[in-house]
Every structure is written in structure tokens, then in C-alpha cells.
Amino acid sequence: MRLRTFTALLAVTAVSLTLGRAEIIDGEVVKKGDPLAKFTVRIYSPEGICTGTLVTRNIVMTAAHCMVDGNGRIFPHAEDFTVVFNQFESEFLDLDAKTKITASKAILDRGYLGADSRHTDQGYTLFVTKNHDVGLIRLEKDAPAEFTPIPIALRSEIDQYSNTLLVAGYGRESDTKDAVSGRLKSAKVKLVSNGKRYSRIETTYGTGLTCSGDSGGPLLIVTPEGYKLAGVHNTGVKGCMTGPAAAARIVDYTDFLDQAMRRLGSNSELLFTTKPTAKRPSSIWPSL
């Protein structure tokens, strides 16, 4: 997702804010009853807004960069995160008017904070991640009954159904400062790469594209069984409309998911219809 400068930012900007403010450019507004609205949620933290995906009745998956502050420190308390479920009383999501659930525990892949960083011309230090930008949030109670967790796609399924890739997320809908925000949108995207070198999927504009923020939101495929989660949005390069966006390919994180789900009091078997073999080692931070 493209990074944007905000006038209110300090010399060291918040990673979760710069990468966590979401907007899908073009695309379509998701209406009540669409299955996308049953697993795509909005996440509030002290420093920004992200999107997440419901993967079990009480666990949401998002990006690791949504879980750290501008100094690269993990937020100290799980209660810093609030997950909002859109009940569609109106098209726009209002934190006070919708169902919201506080987190009770949160875990991210510790490899994320070992990623390369760079300096922008504004002087900010920002993480540029190729891998590990994945985290899990356990809710203090189950999601509302009408919301349905989504399973994680295997690599072979991503290859098979790559022509069905789409994204979903909340937030502003253009580069303009006063753009509409707070409603769920989706867009078809085109596959650029599902390569083996990095555990990521790169996509580019189809009917729309993520911009500076749909961070943590789902990259999806559509199979005969329905939607499956192919990736979690991390970041992008170049322009919103022209440059590729990167998503962590979740199937490559089975070791992390095994450890993290146990730490969250759950079982990683719940995340897959067919569980893959672990691809590479991964590690987790102590739980929030």
C-alpha cells in the first residue's frame, strides 16, 4: 500500500498509522448480506485504523505493523485494540453505533521487527517488510452470531484461482483529504507474483486497488466452496493506481500460526479446511 504524508505527523511517524489507514480506490461498496461483510472487520488502535479478517469465532488476523507504535514498540496492552463488526444499520461504520469487541490478547510474528527499514525524504523511518507482517488478535468474546470465519487458502488453491483475487477494506476512498471513509469496499485485483522467493503475493489494479492503508485486510480468492483467505495486506510501492501491493501469503506461516493459536487458547486446525505442511520456522513475541 502506498505510504502517505500527514501534516500532523511528527519526525518519527507511527508505523501503524502510516500503513494502517486504509482506502480502496475505485472498487465497489460492500452491501449488507454480502459474505465479505461477514468476516471483514475494522480494527482501532491508539495510532490508527486497520482492517482485519475473522478466522475463528474469537480470533482476528491482521498485519503486524498494525500492532506496533511509531518507535517499533508493541502496544503494551491487548485492550488497546477494538474490533468493530459492521451491522449495516447504515452504509457508514460508526464506532459508537456498531458492535465492537475489545481484544483480550494479541500476538505478532517477531520476525516483523527484524525487517529492513528505510528513510523517506520526509525523514521518517518506516518498515519495508518482505515477510512476517502477520498478527492475531483474540477477542474478549465471540463475534456476533451472524459473522462467519473464513478459512486460509493453500498455495495450490491460490495458483488455481488467481484470476478471482479481490481485496476488501475500510477507509477513505481517494487520495483527497476530505474523501469518504468508514464503509466497507472491495475490488478485483490482478496477480503480479505468487513466487517462492518471498512469502508474499503481489497484485495490481483490476477494478480497484488498496492505497495507504487497507493494512491487515484480506486478499481473497473465490473457490467453489466460497471465499478463502490468500493473504494479509502489508504494503505497496509506487502509486496507488499503478504500483503493486504486497500481501503476506498466510499459508507460509503455519509454524507461527501453530504457536500463536496455542498461546491464544485455540487450535490452528480451525484455520484451514486442509492444513498444509509447515514451510519454514517462525517465532512469536510474548503475548500482549
C-alpha atoms as a PDB file:
ATOM      1  CA  MET A   1       0.000   0.000   0.000  1.00  0.00           C
ATOM      2  CA  ARG A   2       1.255   3.431  -0.829  1.00  0.00           C
ATOM      3  CA  LEU A   3       2.588   5.488   2.091  1.00  0.00           C
ATOM      4  CA  ARG A   4       1.161   8.966   2.604  1.00  0.00           C
ATOM      5  CA  THR A   5       2.375  12.060   4.463  1.00  0.00           C
ATOM      6  CA  PHE A   6       0.000  13.557   7.047  1.00  0.00           C
ATOM      7  CA  THR A   7       0.632  17.094   8.243  1.00  0.00           C
ATOM      8  CA  ALA A   8       0.086  16.145  11.882  1.00  0.00           C
ATOM      9  CA  LEU A   9       2.847  13.533  11.896  1.00  0.00           C
ATOM     10  CA  LEU A  10       5.963  14.059  13.990  1.00  0.00           C
ATOM     11  CA  ALA A  11       9.516  13.437  12.789  1.00  0.00           C
ATOM     12  CA  VAL A  12       9.144   9.745  13.504  1.00  0.00           C
ATOM     13  CA  THR A  13       5.790   8.675  12.234  1.00  0.00           C
ATOM     14  CA  ALA A  14       3.700   5.833  13.598  1.00  0.00           C
ATOM     15  CA  VAL A  15       4.071   2.708  11.527  1.00  0.00           C
ATOM     16  CA  SER A  16       0.542   1.589  12.285  1.00  0.00           C
ATOM     17  CA  LEU A  17      -0.821   4.972  11.291  1.00  0.00           C
ATOM     18  CA  THR A  18       1.042   5.450   8.032  1.00  0.00           C
ATOM     19  CA  LEU A  19       0.486   1.910   6.890  1.00  0.00           C
ATOM     20  CA  GLY A  20      -2.740   1.378   8.749  1.00  0.00           C
ATOM     21  CA  ARG A  21      -5.070   3.996   7.311  1.00  0.00           C
ATOM     22  CA  ALA A  22      -6.990   2.213   4.672  1.00  0.00           C
ATOM     23  CA  GLU A  23      -8.638   3.161   1.472  1.00  0.00           C
ATOM     24  CA  ILE A  24      -9.720   1.204  -1.570  1.00  0.00           C
ATOM     25  CA  ILE A  25      -9.546   3.326  -4.694  1.00  0.00           C
ATOM     26  CA  ASP A  26     -12.476   2.634  -7.038  1.00  0.00           C
ATOM     27  CA  GLY A  27     -13.966  -0.818  -6.448  1.00  0.00           C
ATOM     28  CA  GLU A  28     -17.475  -1.289  -5.045  1.00  0.00           C
ATOM     29  CA  VAL A  29     -19.221  -0.638  -1.753  1.00  0.00           C
ATOM     30  CA  VAL A  30     -19.994  -3.918   0.024  1.00  0.00           C
ATOM     31  CA  LYS A  31     -23.693  -4.209   0.864  1.00  0.00           C
ATOM     32  CA  LYS A  32     -25.458  -5.954   3.721  1.00  0.00           C
ATOM     33  CA  GLY A  33     -25.754  -9.676   3.079  1.00  0.00           C
ATOM     34  CA  ASP A  34     -22.546  -9.943   1.065  1.00  0.00           C
ATOM     35  CA  PRO A  35     -20.373 -12.722   2.572  1.00  0.00           C
ATOM     36  CA  LEU A  36     -17.456 -10.264   2.548  1.00  0.00           C
ATOM     37  CA  ALA A  37     -19.198  -8.333   5.292  1.00  0.00           C
ATOM     38  CA  LYS A  38     -19.377 -11.458   7.465  1.00  0.00           C
ATOM     39  CA  PHE A  39     -15.630 -11.754   8.038  1.00  0.00           C
ATOM     40  CA  THR A  40     -14.037  -8.368   7.225  1.00  0.00           C
ATOM     41  CA  VAL A  41     -13.730  -6.129  10.301  1.00  0.00           C
ATOM     42  CA  ARG A  42     -12.294  -2.770  11.235  1.00  0.00           C
ATOM     43  CA  ILE A  43      -9.606  -2.513  13.920  1.00  0.00           C
ATOM     44  CA  TYR A  44      -8.977   0.563  16.067  1.00  0.00           C
ATOM     45  CA  SER A  45      -5.641   1.040  17.855  1.00  0.00           C
ATOM     46  CA  PRO A  46      -4.150   4.063  19.649  1.00  0.00           C
ATOM     47  CA  GLU A  47      -2.398   5.208  16.482  1.00  0.00           C
ATOM     48  CA  GLY A  48      -4.573   4.301  13.558  1.00  0.00           C
ATOM     49  CA  ILE A  49      -7.152   2.196  11.802  1.00  0.00           C
ATOM     50  CA  CYS A  50      -6.603  -1.149  10.125  1.00  0.00           C
ATOM     51  CA  THR A  51      -8.735  -3.859   8.571  1.00  0.00           C
ATOM     52  CA  GLY A  52      -8.795  -7.468   9.779  1.00  0.00           C
ATOM     53  CA  THR A  53     -10.263 -10.863   8.941  1.00  0.00           C
ATOM     54  CA  LEU A  54     -12.256 -13.101  11.268  1.00  0.00           C
ATOM     55  CA  VAL A  55     -10.536 -16.520  11.134  1.00  0.00           C
ATOM     56  CA  THR A  56     -12.254 -18.220  14.111  1.00  0.00           C
ATOM     57  CA  ARG A  57     -15.225 -17.234  16.242  1.00  0.00           C
ATOM     58  CA  ASN A  58     -12.982 -15.158  18.508  1.00  0.00           C
ATOM     59  CA  ILE A  59      -9.724 -14.556  16.602  1.00  0.00           C
ATOM     60  CA  VAL A  60      -8.989 -11.868  14.015  1.00  0.00           C
ATOM     61  CA  MET A  61      -5.962 -11.855  11.705  1.00  0.00           C
ATOM     62  CA  THR A  62      -4.302  -8.589  10.712  1.00  0.00           C
ATOM     63  CA  ALA A  63      -0.895  -7.122   9.841  1.00  0.00           C
ATOM     64  CA  ALA A  64       1.903  -6.986  12.419  1.00  0.00           C
ATOM     65  CA  HIS A  65       2.570  -3.332  11.574  1.00  0.00           C
ATOM     66  CA  CYS A  66      -0.921  -2.554  12.870  1.00  0.00           C
ATOM     67  CA  MET A  67       0.234  -3.776  16.287  1.00  0.00           C
ATOM     68  CA  VAL A  68       3.287  -1.569  16.897  1.00  0.00           C
ATOM     69  CA  ASP A  69       3.760   2.147  17.560  1.00  0.00           C
ATOM     70  CA  GLY A  70       5.903   4.657  15.717  1.00  0.00           C
ATOM     71  CA  ASN A  71       9.030   3.601  17.594  1.00  0.00           C
ATOM     72  CA  GLY A  72       8.613  -0.037  16.657  1.00  0.00           C
ATOM     73  CA  ARG A  73       7.326  -0.968  20.107  1.00  0.00           C
ATOM     74  CA  ILE A  74       4.468  -3.406  20.525  1.00  0.00           C
ATOM     75  CA  PHE A  75       1.428  -1.803  22.103  1.00  0.00           C
ATOM     76  CA  PRO A  76       1.636  -2.786  25.793  1.00  0.00           C
ATOM     77  CA  HIS A  77      -1.952  -3.919  26.273  1.00  0.00           C
ATOM     78  CA  ALA A  78      -4.268  -6.067  24.174  1.00  0.00           C
ATOM     79  CA  GLU A  79      -7.070  -3.763  25.297  1.00  0.00           C
ATOM     80  CA  ASP A  80      -5.506  -1.141  23.015  1.00  0.00           C
ATOM     81  CA  PHE A  81      -7.314  -2.874  20.149  1.00  0.00           C
ATOM     82  CA  THR A  82     -11.033  -2.644  19.446  1.00  0.00           C
ATOM     83  CA  VAL A  83     -12.601  -4.722  16.671  1.00  0.00           C
ATOM     84  CA  VAL A  84     -15.749  -3.363  15.065  1.00  0.00           C
ATOM     85  CA  PHE A  85     -18.301  -5.561  13.294  1.00  0.00           C
ATOM     86  CA  ASN A  86     -20.485  -3.817  10.748  1.00  0.00           C
ATOM     87  CA  GLN A  87     -24.186  -4.475  11.364  1.00  0.00           C
ATOM     88  CA  PHE A  88     -25.156  -2.224   8.424  1.00  0.00           C
ATOM     89  CA  GLU A  89     -27.691  -0.051  10.204  1.00  0.00           C
ATOM     90  CA  SER A  90     -26.255   2.446   7.757  1.00  0.00           C
ATOM     91  CA  GLU A  91     -23.695   2.252   4.984  1.00  0.00           C
ATOM     92  CA  PHE A  92     -21.050   4.014   7.069  1.00  0.00           C
ATOM     93  CA  LEU A  93     -19.305   2.395  10.003  1.00  0.00           C
ATOM     94  CA  ASP A  94     -19.621   4.336  13.242  1.00  0.00           C
ATOM     95  CA  LEU A  95     -17.575   3.127  16.221  1.00  0.00           C
ATOM     96  CA  ASP A  96     -20.299   4.130  18.669  1.00  0.00           C
ATOM     97  CA  ALA A  97     -23.226   2.762  16.682  1.00  0.00           C
ATOM     98  CA  LYS A  98     -21.952  -0.708  15.751  1.00  0.00           C
ATOM     99  CA  THR A  99     -20.980  -3.877  17.543  1.00  0.00           C
ATOM    100  CA  LYS A 100     -17.482  -3.524  18.968  1.00  0.00           C
ATOM    101  CA  ILE A 101     -15.407  -6.020  20.925  1.00  0.00           C
ATOM    102  CA  THR A 102     -12.199  -5.324  22.841  1.00  0.00           C
ATOM    103  CA  ALA A 103      -9.196  -7.598  22.390  1.00  0.00           C
ATOM    104  CA  SER A 104      -8.110  -9.814  25.286  1.00  0.00           C
ATOM    105  CA  LYS A 105      -4.768 -10.947  23.834  1.00  0.00           C
ATOM    106  CA  ALA A 106      -2.651 -10.160  20.751  1.00  0.00           C
ATOM    107  CA  ILE A 107       0.408 -11.793  19.173  1.00  0.00           C
ATOM    108  CA  LEU A 108       2.582 -10.918  16.178  1.00  0.00           C
ATOM    109  CA  ASP A 109       5.361 -12.669  14.328  1.00  0.00           C
ATOM    110  CA  ARG A 110       8.546 -11.325  15.899  1.00  0.00           C
ATOM    111  CA  GLY A 111      10.361 -11.542  12.566  1.00  0.00           C
ATOM    112  CA  TYR A 112       8.429  -8.453  11.508  1.00  0.00           C
ATOM    113  CA  LEU A 113      10.540  -6.126  13.653  1.00  0.00           C
ATOM    114  CA  GLY A 114      13.675  -7.568  12.092  1.00  0.00           C
ATOM    115  CA  ALA A 115      12.653  -6.342   8.671  1.00  0.00           C
ATOM    116  CA  ASP A 116      14.654  -3.832   6.687  1.00  0.00           C
ATOM    117  CA  SER A 117      13.818  -0.171   7.179  1.00  0.00           C
ATOM    118  CA  ARG A 118      14.463   2.894   5.111  1.00  0.00           C
ATOM    119  CA  HIS A 119      14.420   6.686   5.321  1.00  0.00           C
ATOM    120  CA  THR A 120      11.935   8.635   3.257  1.00  0.00           C
ATOM    121  CA  ASP A 121      12.639  12.150   2.059  1.00  0.00           C
ATOM    122  CA  GLN A 122      10.424  13.361   4.931  1.00  0.00           C
ATOM    123  CA  GLY A 123      12.850  11.827   7.407  1.00  0.00           C
ATOM    124  CA  TYR A 124      10.548   9.055   8.639  1.00  0.00           C
ATOM    125  CA  THR A 125      11.889   5.632   9.455  1.00  0.00           C
ATOM    126  CA  LEU A 126       9.462   3.062   8.099  1.00  0.00           C
ATOM    127  CA  PHE A 127       9.479  -0.701   7.951  1.00  0.00           C
ATOM    128  CA  VAL A 128       9.613  -2.180   4.467  1.00  0.00           C
ATOM    129  CA  THR A 129       8.720  -5.794   5.025  1.00  0.00           C
ATOM    130  CA  LYS A 130       9.048  -8.745   2.721  1.00  0.00           C
ATOM    131  CA  ASN A 131       7.883 -11.239   5.304  1.00  0.00           C
ATOM    132  CA  HIS A 132       6.486 -11.687   8.811  1.00  0.00           C
ATOM    133  CA  ASP A 133       3.917  -8.870   8.701  1.00  0.00           C
ATOM    134  CA  VAL A 134       1.244 -11.013  10.365  1.00  0.00           C
ATOM    135  CA  GLY A 135      -0.529 -10.873  13.729  1.00  0.00           C
ATOM    136  CA  LEU A 136      -3.501 -12.346  15.576  1.00  0.00           C
ATOM    137  CA  ILE A 137      -5.957 -10.717  17.981  1.00  0.00           C
ATOM    138  CA  ARG A 138      -8.135 -12.719  20.360  1.00  0.00           C
ATOM    139  CA  LEU A 139     -11.438 -11.097  21.222  1.00  0.00           C
ATOM    140  CA  GLU A 140     -12.769 -10.962  24.760  1.00  0.00           C
ATOM    141  CA  LYS A 141     -15.913 -12.714  23.483  1.00  0.00           C
ATOM    142  CA  ASP A 142     -17.085 -14.430  20.320  1.00  0.00           C
ATOM    143  CA  ALA A 143     -18.048 -12.446  17.258  1.00  0.00           C
ATOM    144  CA  PRO A 144     -21.773 -11.817  16.729  1.00  0.00           C
ATOM    145  CA  ALA A 145     -23.603 -14.929  15.553  1.00  0.00           C
ATOM    146  CA  GLU A 146     -24.180 -13.669  12.019  1.00  0.00           C
ATOM    147  CA  PHE A 147     -20.442 -13.321  11.338  1.00  0.00           C
ATOM    148  CA  THR A 148     -18.626 -16.292   9.790  1.00  0.00           C
ATOM    149  CA  PRO A 149     -14.869 -17.081   9.948  1.00  0.00           C
ATOM    150  CA  ILE A 150     -13.066 -17.627   6.662  1.00  0.00           C
ATOM    151  CA  PRO A 151     -10.560 -20.477   6.028  1.00  0.00           C
ATOM    152  CA  ILE A 152      -6.998 -19.943   4.797  1.00  0.00           C
ATOM    153  CA  ALA A 153      -6.188 -20.916   1.191  1.00  0.00           C
ATOM    154  CA  LEU A 154      -3.459 -23.371   0.224  1.00  0.00           C
ATOM    155  CA  ARG A 155      -0.781 -22.242  -2.226  1.00  0.00           C
ATOM    156  CA  SER A 156      -2.151 -24.591  -4.890  1.00  0.00           C
ATOM    157  CA  GLU A 157      -5.585 -23.002  -4.483  1.00  0.00           C
ATOM    158  CA  ILE A 158      -4.117 -19.521  -4.884  1.00  0.00           C
ATOM    159  CA  ASP A 159      -2.472 -20.596  -8.138  1.00  0.00           C
ATOM    160  CA  GLN A 160      -5.653 -22.294  -9.360  1.00  0.00           C
ATOM    161  CA  TYR A 161      -7.994 -19.394  -8.573  1.00  0.00           C
ATOM    162  CA  SER A 162      -5.613 -16.455  -9.057  1.00  0.00           C
ATOM    163  CA  ASN A 163      -7.991 -14.941 -11.622  1.00  0.00           C
ATOM    164  CA  THR A 164     -10.557 -14.423  -8.824  1.00  0.00           C
ATOM    165  CA  LEU A 165      -8.345 -12.364  -6.475  1.00  0.00           C
ATOM    166  CA  LEU A 166     -10.016  -9.474  -4.698  1.00  0.00           C
ATOM    167  CA  VAL A 167      -9.397  -7.183  -1.738  1.00  0.00           C
ATOM    168  CA  ALA A 168     -11.653  -5.748   0.955  1.00  0.00           C
ATOM    169  CA  GLY A 169     -11.200  -2.961   3.478  1.00  0.00           C
ATOM    170  CA  TYR A 170     -12.471   0.144   5.263  1.00  0.00           C
ATOM    171  CA  GLY A 171     -11.430   3.777   4.996  1.00  0.00           C
ATOM    172  CA  ARG A 172     -11.025   6.737   2.697  1.00  0.00           C
ATOM    173  CA  GLU A 173     -11.680   6.142  -0.969  1.00  0.00           C
ATOM    174  CA  SER A 174      -9.338   8.536  -2.766  1.00  0.00           C
ATOM    175  CA  ASP A 175      -6.142  10.492  -2.243  1.00  0.00           C
ATOM    176  CA  THR A 176      -8.045  13.652  -1.351  1.00  0.00           C
ATOM    177  CA  LYS A 177      -8.028  14.765   2.286  1.00  0.00           C
ATOM    178  CA  ASP A 178     -11.819  15.003   2.586  1.00  0.00           C
ATOM    179  CA  ALA A 179     -12.596  11.695   0.870  1.00  0.00           C
ATOM    180  CA  VAL A 180     -15.456   9.500   2.074  1.00  0.00           C
ATOM    181  CA  SER A 181     -14.420   6.948   4.709  1.00  0.00           C
ATOM    182  CA  GLY A 182     -15.908   4.398   7.066  1.00  0.00           C
ATOM    183  CA  ARG A 183     -17.599   1.979   4.717  1.00  0.00           C
ATOM    184  CA  LEU A 184     -16.526  -1.449   3.519  1.00  0.00           C
ATOM    185  CA  LYS A 185     -15.359  -1.644  -0.083  1.00  0.00           C
ATOM    186  CA  SER A 186     -13.999  -4.410  -2.293  1.00  0.00           C
ATOM    187  CA  ALA A 187     -12.151  -4.536  -5.602  1.00  0.00           C
ATOM    188  CA  LYS A 188     -10.857  -7.152  -8.001  1.00  0.00           C
ATOM    189  CA  VAL A 189      -7.068  -7.167  -8.384  1.00  0.00           C
ATOM    190  CA  LYS A 190      -4.669  -8.802 -10.841  1.00  0.00           C
ATOM    191  CA  LEU A 191      -1.894 -11.174  -9.834  1.00  0.00           C
ATOM    192  CA  VAL A 192       1.647  -9.918 -10.349  1.00  0.00           C
ATOM    193  CA  SER A 193       3.536 -12.609  -8.455  1.00  0.00           C
ATOM    194  CA  ASN A 194       2.886 -15.601  -6.216  1.00  0.00           C
ATOM    195  CA  GLY A 195       6.551 -16.561  -6.217  1.00  0.00           C
ATOM    196  CA  LYS A 196       8.546 -18.761  -3.872  1.00  0.00           C
ATOM    197  CA  ARG A 197      11.343 -16.306  -3.053  1.00  0.00           C
ATOM    198  CA  TYR A 198       9.301 -14.342  -0.535  1.00  0.00           C
ATOM    199  CA  SER A 199       6.224 -15.390   1.396  1.00  0.00           C
ATOM    200  CA  ARG A 200       4.088 -12.763  -0.261  1.00  0.00           C
ATOM    201  CA  ILE A 201       1.634 -12.194  -3.066  1.00  0.00           C
ATOM    202  CA  GLU A 202       1.875  -9.105  -5.242  1.00  0.00           C
ATOM    203  CA  THR A 203      -1.155  -7.693  -7.020  1.00  0.00           C
ATOM    204  CA  THR A 204      -2.014  -4.661  -9.088  1.00  0.00           C
ATOM    205  CA  TYR A 205      -5.061  -2.683 -10.208  1.00  0.00           C
ATOM    206  CA  GLY A 206      -8.080  -4.601 -11.507  1.00  0.00           C
ATOM    207  CA  THR A 207     -11.325  -2.775 -10.751  1.00  0.00           C
ATOM    208  CA  GLY A 208      -9.617  -1.019  -7.854  1.00  0.00           C
ATOM    209  CA  LEU A 209      -6.605  -1.189  -5.559  1.00  0.00           C
ATOM    210  CA  THR A 210      -5.637  -0.697  -1.935  1.00  0.00           C
ATOM    211  CA  CYS A 211      -3.911   2.545  -1.122  1.00  0.00           C
ATOM    212  CA  SER A 212      -2.151   3.854   2.028  1.00  0.00           C
ATOM    213  CA  GLY A 213      -3.805   1.670   4.400  1.00  0.00           C
ATOM    214  CA  ASP A 214      -6.193  -1.238   3.948  1.00  0.00           C
ATOM    215  CA  SER A 215      -3.457  -2.791   6.045  1.00  0.00           C
ATOM    216  CA  GLY A 216      -4.242  -6.118   7.657  1.00  0.00           C
ATOM    217  CA  GLY A 217      -7.245  -6.598   5.397  1.00  0.00           C
ATOM    218  CA  PRO A 218      -7.909  -9.742   3.374  1.00  0.00           C
ATOM    219  CA  LEU A 219      -6.591 -10.686  -0.038  1.00  0.00           C
ATOM    220  CA  LEU A 220      -9.112 -13.302  -1.139  1.00  0.00           C
ATOM    221  CA  ILE A 221      -9.703 -15.984  -3.720  1.00  0.00           C
ATOM    222  CA  VAL A 222     -13.115 -17.281  -4.726  1.00  0.00           C
ATOM    223  CA  THR A 223     -13.364 -21.082  -4.849  1.00  0.00           C
ATOM    224  CA  PRO A 224     -16.364 -23.381  -5.437  1.00  0.00           C
ATOM    225  CA  GLU A 225     -16.578 -23.602  -1.616  1.00  0.00           C
ATOM    226  CA  GLY A 226     -16.633 -19.810  -1.285  1.00  0.00           C
ATOM    227  CA  TYR A 227     -14.092 -17.207  -0.200  1.00  0.00           C
ATOM    228  CA  LYS A 228     -10.697 -18.238   1.173  1.00  0.00           C
ATOM    229  CA  LEU A 229      -8.008 -16.025   2.697  1.00  0.00           C
ATOM    230  CA  ALA A 230      -4.926 -15.928   0.463  1.00  0.00           C
ATOM    231  CA  GLY A 231      -3.056 -13.080   2.135  1.00  0.00           C
ATOM    232  CA  VAL A 232      -2.969 -10.233   4.631  1.00  0.00           C
ATOM    233  CA  HIS A 233      -2.204  -6.827   3.168  1.00  0.00           C
ATOM    234  CA  ASN A 234       1.146  -5.366   4.162  1.00  0.00           C
ATOM    235  CA  THR A 235       2.340  -2.560   1.937  1.00  0.00           C
ATOM    236  CA  GLY A 236       2.832  -1.430  -1.632  1.00  0.00           C
ATOM    237  CA  VAL A 237       5.183   0.543  -3.811  1.00  0.00           C
ATOM    238  CA  LYS A 238       4.806   3.462  -6.197  1.00  0.00           C
ATOM    239  CA  GLY A 239       1.374   4.855  -6.991  1.00  0.00           C
ATOM    240  CA  CYS A 240      -1.947   3.659  -5.659  1.00  0.00           C
ATOM    241  CA  MET A 241      -3.257   3.177  -9.158  1.00  0.00           C
ATOM    242  CA  THR A 242      -0.172   1.737 -10.849  1.00  0.00           C
ATOM    243  CA  GLY A 243       2.178   0.115  -8.360  1.00  0.00           C
ATOM    244  CA  PRO A 244       1.853  -3.436  -6.997  1.00  0.00           C
ATOM    245  CA  ALA A 245       0.543  -4.090  -3.493  1.00  0.00           C
ATOM    246  CA  ALA A 246       2.065  -6.807  -1.306  1.00  0.00           C
ATOM    247  CA  ALA A 247       0.242  -9.254   0.973  1.00  0.00           C
ATOM    248  CA  ALA A 248       1.721 -11.857   3.305  1.00  0.00           C
ATOM    249  CA  ARG A 249       0.892 -15.324   1.946  1.00  0.00           C
ATOM    250  CA  ILE A 250      -0.625 -16.808   5.091  1.00  0.00           C
ATOM    251  CA  VAL A 251      -0.203 -20.466   4.192  1.00  0.00           C
ATOM    252  CA  ASP A 252       3.565 -19.985   4.614  1.00  0.00           C
ATOM    253  CA  TYR A 253       3.134 -19.099   8.296  1.00  0.00           C
ATOM    254  CA  THR A 254       1.904 -22.404   9.678  1.00  0.00           C
ATOM    255  CA  ASP A 255       4.635 -22.595  12.338  1.00  0.00           C
ATOM    256  CA  PHE A 256       3.738 -19.144  13.612  1.00  0.00           C
ATOM    257  CA  LEU A 257       0.042 -19.980  13.497  1.00  0.00           C
ATOM    258  CA  ASP A 258       0.573 -23.226  15.446  1.00  0.00           C
ATOM    259  CA  GLN A 259       2.429 -21.417  18.229  1.00  0.00           C
ATOM    260  CA  ALA A 260       0.241 -18.339  18.276  1.00  0.00           C
ATOM    261  CA  MET A 261      -3.064 -20.207  18.275  1.00  0.00           C
ATOM    262  CA  ARG A 262      -1.914 -22.359  21.198  1.00  0.00           C
ATOM    263  CA  ARG A 263      -0.921 -19.185  23.037  1.00  0.00           C
ATOM    264  CA  LEU A 264      -4.366 -17.777  22.325  1.00  0.00           C
ATOM    265  CA  GLY A 265      -6.058 -20.897  23.690  1.00  0.00           C
ATOM    266  CA  SER A 266      -7.133 -22.242  20.322  1.00  0.00           C
ATOM    267  CA  ASN A 267      -6.075 -24.713  17.613  1.00  0.00           C
ATOM    268  CA  SER A 268      -4.552 -23.852  14.236  1.00  0.00           C
ATOM    269  CA  GLU A 269      -6.507 -26.720  12.675  1.00  0.00           C
ATOM    270  CA  LEU A 270      -9.511 -24.403  12.807  1.00  0.00           C
ATOM    271  CA  LEU A 271      -7.860 -22.071  10.308  1.00  0.00           C
ATOM    272  CA  PHE A 272      -7.719 -24.495   7.381  1.00  0.00           C
ATOM    273  CA  THR A 273     -10.065 -26.831   5.575  1.00  0.00           C
ATOM    274  CA  THR A 274      -6.926 -28.832   4.706  1.00  0.00           C
ATOM    275  CA  LYS A 275      -3.886 -27.970   6.806  1.00  0.00           C
ATOM    276  CA  PRO A 276      -0.586 -27.667   4.885  1.00  0.00           C
ATOM    277  CA  THR A 277       2.862 -28.794   5.940  1.00  0.00           C
ATOM    278  CA  ALA A 278       4.917 -26.063   7.620  1.00  0.00           C
ATOM    279  CA  LYS A 279       7.167 -24.296   5.106  1.00  0.00           C
ATOM    280  CA  ARG A 280       9.723 -22.607   7.361  1.00  0.00           C
ATOM    281  CA  PRO A 281      10.305 -21.798  11.027  1.00  0.00           C
ATOM    282  CA  SER A 282       8.743 -18.732  12.566  1.00  0.00           C
ATOM    283  CA  SER A 283       8.593 -17.245  16.035  1.00  0.00           C
ATOM    284  CA  ILE A 284       6.262 -15.135  18.139  1.00  0.00           C
ATOM    285  CA  TRP A 285       6.568 -12.380  20.685  1.00  0.00           C
ATOM    286  CA  PRO A 286       5.231 -12.844  24.199  1.00  0.00           C
ATOM    287  CA  SER A 287       1.504 -12.308  24.262  1.00  0.00           C
ATOM    288  CA  LEU A 288       0.042  -8.889  24.933  1.00  0.00           C
END
